[in-house]
Structure formats: structure tokens, C-alpha cells
């Protein structure tokens, strides 16, 4: 099975792992998290990431990270480049829809999961209307005044 490693600014990685465990308890056993703390050096965090990646039993690993160009992403890129024994892909911009989509397709192989995760992330970002349809004003006719019902 595919493994997933979330590397993000603290506490986002751990929070996303908790979301994965809550929503997909069976699939979430393959998810690891590495919070990048301002209290630790980049080198210390990279060693922790290397250890996590080495301990993962999966031969294919998807690394999800928060912001392209930031420290977590830079660490993820270095880790992916180091591991010849595993097929590793890195995706930046992690969000909950991306994570859920990746978990849903985790049995599909690394390329498929990466493609589905990116699609899930972009499709999960939408602007939501601030007015609810139930709040539309009603236009009562002369005979409708006694039969007016509010939608709840």
C-alpha cells in the first residue's frame, strides 16, 4: 500500500494526520506527519523526516507539504531526491480535500494518487455564496397570504 508523509508548519501536519485518522481510520495507518517547528533547526527536522521515510514500509510514498518554496517543501524535496529505494512524489499546497482524495485512491498507485490528490485540492477550493437560498424574499399573491410557509 502507498504511504503518505505530511510535512508542514507546526501544527498543521499533525492536525491533518488527525483528520485522516478520524475520517478514514483504516487508511490512515499509512499516514505519517512531521511538524516543522521554529524551535528546531532545518537539519534536525530533515533528519526526523529521513527517519520517518525510512521507517515507512511502503515502497511508494506521497509527500504532502503546505507551501511551495517554504522550509517544509524544501525538506520534502531533499528527502524525495535522496530515497532511491522508494518511489516518492511531492505535492505542495496540502488541504483537507487533497488529503481525503489521496486516501480514497491510495490503492491506485503513486501516479494515480498524485493526480487525484491535485484534482481534489483544486476542486475543493470554491467561493461559497454568503446568502442562503432559503432567505429569498417571497412574493405573495392575493390568495397566498394564508398559505405562506417558511423554509427552514
Protein backbone atom coordinates (compact mmCIF):
# COMPACT_ATOMS: atom_id res chain seq x y z
CA UNK A 1 0.00 0.00 0.00
CA UNK A 2 1.04 3.58 -0.62
CA UNK A 3 2.45 5.57 2.28
CA UNK A 4 1.85 9.27 2.88
CA UNK A 5 4.04 11.70 4.74
CA UNK A 6 2.72 15.16 5.59
CA UNK A 7 5.42 17.76 6.19
CA UNK A 8 4.08 21.16 7.19
CA UNK A 9 4.49 24.08 9.56
CA UNK A 10 3.53 23.07 13.10
CA UNK A 11 0.84 22.05 14.00
CA UNK A 12 -0.67 21.58 10.52
CA UNK A 13 0.93 18.21 9.73
CA UNK A 14 -0.31 16.62 12.96
CA UNK A 15 -3.73 18.20 12.55
CA UNK A 16 -4.09 16.80 9.03
CA UNK A 17 -3.00 13.37 10.24
CA UNK A 18 -5.71 13.57 12.90
CA UNK A 19 -8.26 14.46 10.22
CA UNK A 20 -7.12 11.44 8.19
CA UNK A 21 -7.41 9.12 11.20
CA UNK A 22 -10.84 10.49 12.08
CA UNK A 23 -12.29 10.23 8.57
CA UNK A 24 -10.52 7.13 7.22
CA UNK A 25 -9.38 5.11 10.24
CA UNK A 26 -8.45 2.07 8.13
CA UNK A 27 -6.45 4.02 5.55
CA UNK A 28 -4.84 6.45 7.94
CA UNK A 29 -2.41 3.89 9.33
CA UNK A 30 -0.18 4.64 6.36
CA UNK A 31 -0.07 8.39 7.11
CA UNK A 32 2.82 9.95 8.99
CA UNK A 33 3.22 13.59 9.99
CA UNK A 34 6.22 15.83 10.52
CA UNK A 35 5.55 19.23 12.04
CA UNK A 36 8.22 21.76 11.19
CA UNK A 37 8.78 23.71 14.37
CA UNK A 38 10.60 27.05 14.59
CA UNK A 39 12.35 25.64 17.68
CA UNK A 40 14.33 23.05 15.70
CA UNK A 41 16.95 23.53 13.02
CA UNK A 42 16.28 22.60 9.42
CA UNK A 43 18.92 19.90 9.74
CA UNK A 44 17.21 18.37 12.79
CA UNK A 45 13.85 18.37 11.02
CA UNK A 46 15.35 16.87 7.89
CA UNK A 47 16.88 14.02 9.92
CA UNK A 48 13.48 13.39 11.53
CA UNK A 49 11.89 13.30 8.08
CA UNK A 50 14.56 10.94 6.77
CA UNK A 51 13.93 8.61 9.72
CA UNK A 52 10.16 8.65 9.16
CA UNK A 53 10.54 7.98 5.45
CA UNK A 54 12.98 5.12 6.09
CA UNK A 55 10.61 3.52 8.63
CA UNK A 56 7.65 3.55 6.25
CA UNK A 57 7.01 0.04 4.95
CA UNK A 58 5.52 1.31 1.68
CA UNK A 59 7.64 1.28 -1.48
CA UNK A 60 5.74 4.28 -2.84
CA UNK A 61 5.34 7.43 -0.78
CA UNK A 62 3.41 10.61 -1.46
CA UNK A 63 4.75 13.58 0.48
CA UNK A 64 2.22 16.35 1.02
CA UNK A 65 3.52 19.72 2.10
CA UNK A 66 1.95 23.08 2.79
CA UNK A 67 3.67 25.89 0.87
CA UNK A 68 5.92 25.61 -2.18
CA UNK A 69 9.30 27.22 -1.51
CA UNK A 70 8.93 27.20 2.28
CA UNK A 71 11.06 25.10 4.63
CA UNK A 72 8.70 22.08 4.78
CA UNK A 73 8.60 21.87 0.99
CA UNK A 74 12.35 22.28 0.69
CA UNK A 75 12.86 19.45 3.19
CA UNK A 76 10.35 17.28 1.29
CA UNK A 77 12.18 17.87 -2.00
CA UNK A 78 15.55 16.93 -0.48
CA UNK A 79 14.08 13.78 1.09
CA UNK A 80 12.43 12.73 -2.18
CA UNK A 81 15.71 13.16 -4.04
CA UNK A 82 17.61 11.01 -1.51
CA UNK A 83 15.42 7.92 -1.48
CA UNK A 84 16.26 5.66 -4.40
CA UNK A 85 14.75 2.65 -2.63
CA UNK A 86 11.27 4.24 -2.73
CA UNK A 87 9.27 5.95 -5.41
CA UNK A 88 8.49 9.37 -3.94
CA UNK A 89 6.41 12.29 -5.22
CA UNK A 90 5.94 15.67 -3.53
CA UNK A 91 2.84 17.84 -3.78
CA UNK A 92 2.69 21.32 -2.24
CA UNK A 93 -0.49 23.11 -1.18
CA UNK A 94 -1.95 20.38 1.03
CA UNK A 95 -5.52 20.83 2.18
CA UNK A 96 -8.21 18.53 3.53
CA UNK A 97 -9.84 17.77 0.14
CA UNK A 98 -6.40 16.81 -1.22
CA UNK A 99 -5.75 14.52 1.72
CA UNK A 100 -9.17 12.85 1.53
CA UNK A 101 -8.84 12.30 -2.22
CA UNK A 102 -5.38 10.80 -1.75
CA UNK A 103 -6.69 8.47 0.94
CA UNK A 104 -9.62 7.40 -1.24
CA UNK A 105 -7.32 6.43 -4.12
CA UNK A 106 -4.38 5.14 -2.05
CA UNK A 107 -4.57 1.71 -3.70
CA UNK A 108 -4.29 3.14 -7.20
CA UNK A 109 -0.53 3.60 -7.40
CA UNK A 110 1.62 6.66 -6.86
CA UNK A 111 0.97 8.40 -10.19
CA UNK A 112 -2.80 7.97 -9.93
CA UNK A 113 -2.89 9.09 -6.30
CA UNK A 114 -0.80 12.19 -7.04
CA UNK A 115 -3.04 13.12 -9.97
CA UNK A 116 -6.24 12.58 -7.93
CA UNK A 117 -4.84 14.48 -4.93
CA UNK A 118 -4.06 17.57 -7.03
CA UNK A 119 -7.53 17.40 -8.59
CA UNK A 120 -9.14 17.06 -5.17
CA UNK A 121 -7.24 20.05 -3.85
CA UNK A 122 -8.22 22.36 -6.69
CA UNK A 123 -11.83 21.13 -6.84
CA UNK A 124 -12.14 21.57 -3.08
CA UNK A 125 -11.43 25.29 -3.26
CA UNK A 126 -14.58 27.20 -4.19
CA UNK A 127 -16.08 30.52 -3.27
CA UNK A 128 -19.24 29.94 -1.28
CA UNK A 129 -22.24 32.22 -1.56
CA UNK A 130 -22.89 34.23 1.58
CA UNK A 131 -26.66 34.34 1.13
CA UNK A 132 -28.61 31.16 1.62
CA UNK A 133 -31.35 30.32 -0.90
CA UNK A 134 -33.83 29.92 1.98
CA UNK A 135 -33.58 33.64 2.71
CA UNK A 136 -35.07 34.74 -0.58
CA UNK A 137 -37.99 37.10 -0.26
CA UNK A 138 -41.31 35.58 -1.09
CA UNK A 139 -43.81 37.22 -3.40
CA UNK A 140 -47.24 36.52 -2.06
CA UNK A 141 -50.19 36.66 -4.34
CA UNK A 142 -53.55 37.88 -3.07
CA UNK A 143 -54.73 34.31 -2.42
CA UNK A 144 -51.41 33.09 -1.00
CA UNK A 145 -51.31 35.17 2.20
CA UNK A 146 -53.00 32.43 4.25
CA UNK A 147 -50.79 29.67 2.83
CA UNK A 148 -47.36 31.24 3.27
CA UNK A 149 -44.78 28.76 4.64
CA UNK A 150 -41.19 29.46 5.59
CA UNK A 151 -38.48 27.06 4.54
CA UNK A 152 -36.20 26.07 7.37
